[in-house]
Amino acid sequence: MSWIERISARSRRAHARTRGFTLIEVLAALVIVGLGMLAVIQAVSQTASNSTYLREKTIAHWVALNKLTETRLQRTPPPIDETSDEVEMAGRTWRWTMTVTQTPIESIRRIDISVRPAEAAAGSSLASITGFYGTAIAPAGSALIDWDGVLNRQRPRGRRSDDDRAPPTDEQPNEPNGEPVEEPPSDEQPSDQ
């Protein structure tokens, strides 16, 4: 046998021994794949639970907004009190609690609404909003708002009373181009004293 045949025979035997994986290598590979799959499963589970929570929070917020809108559309102000009821939305029963309080402005009331699933604990809240109900209105043709709830006398549209006029200033009003605006002549005669 020549030296070339001996070397090739040795390399064939060595190659035959290294063709497969050992049991330890296979087990190590399975452990690594298992840990990777566990991390993927946990990430998917966390995403699913987050999306469920966000869905429920969104629906609870809608319930609160619906109740606030319904209260604001009433002709009379809501009573200063705490009320609670249940409503069904998106195939689930929700419990809302509305607390109405008086603000320092007589004609405005604050409305706090909290919403939770009906089966949740009484003190919990999944969504809460705050809104206001006001009866302050401006008389027709005026930009002044009656915050005290006492209606001002009605004036014809376009006519202003003395309280609607701005206080006099020393400065003369200017046009957009910077030139002074001339005041129209007044009907009142100046008094000589």
C-alpha atoms as a PDB file:
ATOM      1  CA  MET A   1       0.000   0.000   0.000  1.00  0.00           C
ATOM      2  CA  SER A   2       1.348   3.307  -0.932  1.00  0.00           C
ATOM      3  CA  TRP A   3       1.483   6.209   1.377  1.00  0.00           C
ATOM      4  CA  ILE A   4      -1.310   7.948  -0.535  1.00  0.00           C
ATOM      5  CA  GLU A   5      -3.689   5.041  -0.009  1.00  0.00           C
ATOM      6  CA  ARG A   6      -2.858   4.928   3.701  1.00  0.00           C
ATOM      7  CA  ILE A   7      -3.635   8.642   4.143  1.00  0.00           C
ATOM      8  CA  SER A   8      -6.895   8.394   2.252  1.00  0.00           C
ATOM      9  CA  ALA A   9      -7.971   5.332   4.291  1.00  0.00           C
ATOM     10  CA  ARG A  10      -7.278   7.194   7.544  1.00  0.00           C
ATOM     11  CA  SER A  11      -9.199  10.244   6.390  1.00  0.00           C
ATOM     12  CA  ARG A  12     -12.189   8.059   5.391  1.00  0.00           C
ATOM     13  CA  ARG A  13     -12.273   6.482   8.871  1.00  0.00           C
ATOM     14  CA  ALA A  14     -11.979   9.877  10.589  1.00  0.00           C
ATOM     15  CA  HIS A  15     -14.659  11.281   8.342  1.00  0.00           C
ATOM     16  CA  ALA A  16     -16.996   8.361   9.106  1.00  0.00           C
ATOM     17  CA  ARG A  17     -16.722   9.085  12.839  1.00  0.00           C
ATOM     18  CA  THR A  18     -17.670  12.799  12.480  1.00  0.00           C
ATOM     19  CA  ARG A  19     -20.675  12.496  10.161  1.00  0.00           C
ATOM     20  CA  GLY A  20     -23.480  12.585  12.828  1.00  0.00           C
ATOM     21  CA  PHE A  21     -24.386  14.616  15.928  1.00  0.00           C
ATOM     22  CA  THR A  22     -23.929  13.264  19.400  1.00  0.00           C
ATOM     23  CA  LEU A  23     -26.842  12.978  21.810  1.00  0.00           C
ATOM     24  CA  ILE A  24     -25.506  15.869  23.933  1.00  0.00           C
ATOM     25  CA  GLU A  25     -25.350  18.178  20.910  1.00  0.00           C
ATOM     26  CA  VAL A  26     -28.938  17.328  19.982  1.00  0.00           C
ATOM     27  CA  LEU A  27     -30.177  17.952  23.540  1.00  0.00           C
ATOM     28  CA  ALA A  28     -28.326  21.277  23.741  1.00  0.00           C
ATOM     29  CA  ALA A  29     -29.898  22.369  20.446  1.00  0.00           C
ATOM     30  CA  LEU A  30     -33.389  21.391  21.690  1.00  0.00           C
ATOM     31  CA  VAL A  31     -32.919  23.377  24.923  1.00  0.00           C
ATOM     32  CA  ILE A  32     -31.878  26.477  22.954  1.00  0.00           C
ATOM     33  CA  VAL A  33     -34.827  26.166  20.553  1.00  0.00           C
ATOM     34  CA  GLY A  34     -37.203  25.578  23.495  1.00  0.00           C
ATOM     35  CA  LEU A  35     -36.039  28.715  25.303  1.00  0.00           C
ATOM     36  CA  GLY A  36     -36.421  30.754  22.107  1.00  0.00           C
ATOM     37  CA  MET A  37     -39.951  29.440  21.556  1.00  0.00           C
ATOM     38  CA  LEU A  38     -40.857  30.194  25.195  1.00  0.00           C
ATOM     39  CA  ALA A  39     -39.775  33.826  24.724  1.00  0.00           C
ATOM     40  CA  VAL A  40     -41.826  34.100  21.517  1.00  0.00           C
ATOM     41  CA  ILE A  41     -44.914  32.613  23.195  1.00  0.00           C
ATOM     42  CA  GLN A  42     -44.598  35.043  26.123  1.00  0.00           C
ATOM     43  CA  ALA A  43     -44.274  38.021  23.760  1.00  0.00           C
ATOM     44  CA  VAL A  44     -47.376  36.950  21.788  1.00  0.00           C
ATOM     45  CA  SER A  45     -49.324  36.389  25.024  1.00  0.00           C
ATOM     46  CA  GLN A  46     -48.328  39.831  26.354  1.00  0.00           C
ATOM     47  CA  THR A  47     -49.375  41.490  23.080  1.00  0.00           C
ATOM     48  CA  ALA A  48     -52.742  39.710  23.163  1.00  0.00           C
ATOM     49  CA  SER A  49     -53.387  40.741  26.765  1.00  0.00           C
ATOM     50  CA  ASN A  50     -52.374  44.363  26.020  1.00  0.00           C
ATOM     51  CA  SER A  51     -54.721  44.537  23.047  1.00  0.00           C
ATOM     52  CA  THR A  52     -57.583  43.132  25.146  1.00  0.00           C
ATOM     53  CA  TYR A  53     -56.917  45.718  27.868  1.00  0.00           C
ATOM     54  CA  LEU A  54     -56.785  48.565  25.338  1.00  0.00           C
ATOM     55  CA  ARG A  55     -60.011  47.377  23.691  1.00  0.00           C
ATOM     56  CA  GLU A  56     -61.831  47.309  27.043  1.00  0.00           C
ATOM     57  CA  LYS A  57     -60.419  50.704  28.048  1.00  0.00           C
ATOM     58  CA  THR A  58     -61.550  52.207  24.727  1.00  0.00           C
ATOM     59  CA  ILE A  59     -65.084  50.833  25.080  1.00  0.00           C
ATOM     60  CA  ALA A  60     -65.282  52.064  28.702  1.00  0.00           C
ATOM     61  CA  HIS A  61     -64.195  55.516  27.507  1.00  0.00           C
ATOM     62  CA  TRP A  62     -66.941  55.453  24.858  1.00  0.00           C
ATOM     63  CA  VAL A  63     -69.512  54.575  27.534  1.00  0.00           C
ATOM     64  CA  ALA A  64     -68.348  57.562  29.612  1.00  0.00           C
ATOM     65  CA  LEU A  65     -68.428  59.923  26.604  1.00  0.00           C
ATOM     66  CA  ASN A  66     -71.922  58.726  25.657  1.00  0.00           C
ATOM     67  CA  LYS A  67     -73.217  59.396  29.180  1.00  0.00           C
ATOM     68  CA  LEU A  68     -71.579  62.849  29.273  1.00  0.00           C
ATOM     69  CA  THR A  69     -73.073  63.771  25.888  1.00  0.00           C
ATOM     70  CA  GLU A  70     -76.496  62.509  26.958  1.00  0.00           C
ATOM     71  CA  THR A  71     -76.300  64.648  30.116  1.00  0.00           C
ATOM     72  CA  ARG A  72     -75.175  67.749  28.218  1.00  0.00           C
ATOM     73  CA  LEU A  73     -78.080  67.428  25.750  1.00  0.00           C
ATOM     74  CA  GLN A  74     -80.689  67.624  28.522  1.00  0.00           C
ATOM     75  CA  ARG A  75     -82.623  70.885  28.740  1.00  0.00           C
ATOM     76  CA  THR A  76     -82.252  71.084  32.513  1.00  0.00           C
ATOM     77  CA  PRO A  77     -78.994  70.942  34.448  1.00  0.00           C
ATOM     78  CA  PRO A  78     -78.228  67.604  36.105  1.00  0.00           C
ATOM     79  CA  PRO A  79     -78.943  67.456  39.842  1.00  0.00           C
ATOM     80  CA  ILE A  80     -75.965  67.828  42.187  1.00  0.00           C
ATOM     81  CA  ASP A  81     -75.701  64.212  43.229  1.00  0.00           C
ATOM     82  CA  GLU A  82     -73.992  60.892  42.530  1.00  0.00           C
ATOM     83  CA  THR A  83     -75.833  58.486  40.241  1.00  0.00           C
ATOM     84  CA  SER A  84     -74.936  55.076  38.878  1.00  0.00           C
ATOM     85  CA  ASP A  85     -76.384  52.648  36.387  1.00  0.00           C
ATOM     86  CA  GLU A  86     -75.472  49.834  34.007  1.00  0.00           C
ATOM     87  CA  VAL A  87     -75.373  49.881  30.224  1.00  0.00           C
ATOM     88  CA  GLU A  88     -74.509  47.250  27.635  1.00  0.00           C
ATOM     89  CA  MET A  89     -71.988  47.982  24.908  1.00  0.00           C
ATOM     90  CA  ALA A  90     -69.953  45.664  22.664  1.00  0.00           C
ATOM     91  CA  GLY A  91     -71.513  42.555  24.166  1.00  0.00           C
ATOM     92  CA  ARG A  92     -70.528  43.442  27.723  1.00  0.00           C
ATOM     93  CA  THR A  93     -72.238  45.119  30.687  1.00  0.00           C
ATOM     94  CA  TRP A  94     -70.598  48.282  32.040  1.00  0.00           C
ATOM     95  CA  ARG A  95     -71.317  50.217  35.243  1.00  0.00           C
ATOM     96  CA  TRP A  96     -70.968  54.005  35.128  1.00  0.00           C
ATOM     97  CA  THR A  97     -70.942  56.354  38.099  1.00  0.00           C
ATOM     98  CA  MET A  98     -71.619  60.056  37.567  1.00  0.00           C
ATOM     99  CA  THR A  99     -70.825  62.674  40.214  1.00  0.00           C
ATOM    100  CA  VAL A 100     -72.187  66.194  39.621  1.00  0.00           C
ATOM    101  CA  THR A 101     -70.763  69.058  41.683  1.00  0.00           C
ATOM    102  CA  GLN A 102     -71.355  72.811  41.697  1.00  0.00           C
ATOM    103  CA  THR A 103     -68.514  75.037  40.470  1.00  0.00           C
ATOM    104  CA  PRO A 104     -67.818  78.560  41.803  1.00  0.00           C
ATOM    105  CA  ILE A 105     -69.725  79.881  38.774  1.00  0.00           C
ATOM    106  CA  GLU A 106     -73.414  79.493  39.541  1.00  0.00           C
ATOM    107  CA  SER A 107     -74.505  78.468  36.034  1.00  0.00           C
ATOM    108  CA  ILE A 108     -71.840  75.761  35.482  1.00  0.00           C
ATOM    109  CA  ARG A 109     -71.714  72.276  36.983  1.00  0.00           C
ATOM    110  CA  ARG A 110     -68.824  69.808  36.880  1.00  0.00           C
ATOM    111  CA  ILE A 111     -69.559  66.231  35.802  1.00  0.00           C
ATOM    112  CA  ASP A 112     -67.154  63.378  36.667  1.00  0.00           C
ATOM    113  CA  ILE A 113     -67.950  59.995  35.130  1.00  0.00           C
ATOM    114  CA  SER A 114     -66.087  56.755  35.835  1.00  0.00           C
ATOM    115  CA  VAL A 115     -66.763  53.446  34.087  1.00  0.00           C
ATOM    116  CA  ARG A 116     -65.831  49.867  34.993  1.00  0.00           C
ATOM    117  CA  PRO A 117     -66.955  46.411  33.919  1.00  0.00           C
ATOM    118  CA  ALA A 118     -70.088  45.395  35.865  1.00  0.00           C
ATOM    119  CA  GLU A 119     -68.283  42.444  37.465  1.00  0.00           C
ATOM    120  CA  ALA A 120     -65.285  44.535  38.635  1.00  0.00           C
ATOM    121  CA  ALA A 121     -64.826  45.735  42.220  1.00  0.00           C
ATOM    122  CA  ALA A 122     -66.826  48.782  43.291  1.00  0.00           C
ATOM    123  CA  GLY A 123     -63.841  51.096  43.776  1.00  0.00           C
ATOM    124  CA  SER A 124     -62.144  50.307  40.474  1.00  0.00           C
ATOM    125  CA  SER A 125     -62.348  52.379  37.312  1.00  0.00           C
ATOM    126  CA  LEU A 126     -61.265  51.460  33.795  1.00  0.00           C
ATOM    127  CA  ALA A 127     -61.963  54.909  32.308  1.00  0.00           C
ATOM    128  CA  SER A 128     -62.946  58.273  33.741  1.00  0.00           C
ATOM    129  CA  ILE A 129     -63.694  61.658  32.191  1.00  0.00           C
ATOM    130  CA  THR A 130     -64.621  65.126  33.393  1.00  0.00           C
ATOM    131  CA  GLY A 131     -66.957  67.524  31.641  1.00  0.00           C
ATOM    132  CA  PHE A 132     -69.079  70.567  32.367  1.00  0.00           C
ATOM    133  CA  TYR A 133     -72.730  71.516  31.969  1.00  0.00           C
ATOM    134  CA  GLY A 134     -73.389  75.220  31.622  1.00  0.00           C
ATOM    135  CA  THR A 135     -76.429  77.370  31.062  1.00  0.00           C
ATOM    136  CA  ALA A 136     -74.501  80.603  30.507  1.00  0.00           C
ATOM    137  CA  ILE A 137     -75.622  82.055  27.214  1.00  0.00           C
ATOM    138  CA  ALA A 138     -75.049  85.281  25.357  1.00  0.00           C
ATOM    139  CA  PRO A 139     -78.034  87.388  24.342  1.00  0.00           C
ATOM    140  CA  ALA A 140     -78.676  87.577  20.613  1.00  0.00           C
ATOM    141  CA  GLY A 141     -76.333  90.030  18.912  1.00  0.00           C
ATOM    142  CA  SER A 142     -73.925  90.195  21.849  1.00  0.00           C
ATOM    143  CA  ALA A 143     -70.632  88.556  22.666  1.00  0.00           C
ATOM    144  CA  LEU A 144     -71.126  89.070  26.404  1.00  0.00           C
ATOM    145  CA  ILE A 145     -71.937  85.894  28.291  1.00  0.00           C
ATOM    146  CA  ASP A 146     -74.304  85.895  31.250  1.00  0.00           C
ATOM    147  CA  TRP A 147     -72.252  83.836  33.759  1.00  0.00           C
ATOM    148  CA  ASP A 148     -74.515  84.584  36.716  1.00  0.00           C
ATOM    149  CA  GLY A 149     -77.608  83.009  35.204  1.00  0.00           C
ATOM    150  CA  VAL A 150     -79.499  86.324  35.225  1.00  0.00           C
ATOM    151  CA  LEU A 151     -80.712  87.022  31.726  1.00  0.00           C
ATOM    152  CA  ASN A 152     -79.876  90.489  30.393  1.00  0.00           C
ATOM    153  CA  ARG A 153     -82.609  92.437  28.707  1.00  0.00           C
ATOM    154  CA  GLN A 154     -82.902  91.523  25.045  1.00  0.00           C
ATOM    155  CA  ARG A 155     -81.675  94.164  22.601  1.00  0.00           C
ATOM    156  CA  PRO A 156     -82.424  94.300  18.898  1.00  0.00           C
ATOM    157  CA  ARG A 157     -79.730  92.696  16.801  1.00  0.00           C
ATOM    158  CA  GLY A 158     -76.956  95.073  15.828  1.00  0.00           C
ATOM    159  CA  ARG A 159     -77.714  97.649  18.564  1.00  0.00           C
ATOM    160  CA  ARG A 160     -75.260  97.987  21.401  1.00  0.00           C
ATOM    161  CA  SER A 161     -75.785  99.307  24.881  1.00  0.00           C
ATOM    162  CA  ASP A 162     -73.240 101.353  26.813  1.00  0.00           C
ATOM    163  CA  ASP A 163     -71.934  98.261  28.665  1.00  0.00           C
ATOM    164  CA  ASP A 164     -71.181  96.462  25.346  1.00  0.00           C
ATOM    165  CA  ARG A 165     -68.829  99.217  24.207  1.00  0.00           C
ATOM    166  CA  ALA A 166     -65.133  98.923  24.861  1.00  0.00           C
ATOM    167  CA  PRO A 167     -63.672 101.429  27.336  1.00  0.00           C
ATOM    168  CA  PRO A 168     -62.184 104.500  25.655  1.00  0.00           C
ATOM    169  CA  THR A 169     -58.455 104.488  25.038  1.00  0.00           C
ATOM    170  CA  ASP A 170     -55.968 107.231  24.264  1.00  0.00           C
ATOM    171  CA  GLU A 171     -54.726 105.373  21.214  1.00  0.00           C
ATOM    172  CA  GLN A 172     -56.443 105.821  17.900  1.00  0.00           C
ATOM    173  CA  PRO A 173     -57.368 102.547  16.099  1.00  0.00           C
ATOM    174  CA  ASN A 174     -55.279 101.730  13.044  1.00  0.00           C
ATOM    175  CA  GLU A 175     -56.075 100.151   9.714  1.00  0.00           C
ATOM    176  CA  PRO A 176     -54.104  97.021   8.757  1.00  0.00           C
ATOM    177  CA  ASN A 177     -51.727  99.246   6.743  1.00  0.00           C
ATOM    178  CA  GLY A 178     -50.855 101.249   9.903  1.00  0.00           C
ATOM    179  CA  GLU A 179     -52.762 104.460   9.141  1.00  0.00           C
ATOM    180  CA  PRO A 180     -55.196 105.856  11.741  1.00  0.00           C
ATOM    181  CA  VAL A 181     -58.910 105.242  11.250  1.00  0.00           C
ATOM    182  CA  GLU A 182     -61.117 108.301  11.278  1.00  0.00           C
ATOM    183  CA  GLU A 183     -64.097 108.075  13.586  1.00  0.00           C
ATOM    184  CA  PRO A 184     -67.505 108.822  12.022  1.00  0.00           C
ATOM    185  CA  PRO A 185     -69.098 112.060  13.214  1.00  0.00           C
ATOM    186  CA  SER A 186     -71.096 111.669  16.400  1.00  0.00           C
ATOM    187  CA  ASP A 187     -74.779 112.596  16.674  1.00  0.00           C
ATOM    188  CA  GLU A 188     -74.187 114.077  20.135  1.00  0.00           C
ATOM    189  CA  GLN A 189     -73.439 117.794  20.427  1.00  0.00           C
ATOM    190  CA  PRO A 190     -70.508 118.734  22.651  1.00  0.00           C
ATOM    191  CA  SER A 191     -71.598 120.569  25.761  1.00  0.00           C
ATOM    192  CA  ASP A 192     -70.095 123.957  26.528  1.00  0.00           C
ATOM    193  CA  GLN A 193     -69.191 124.413  30.134  1.00  0.00           C
END
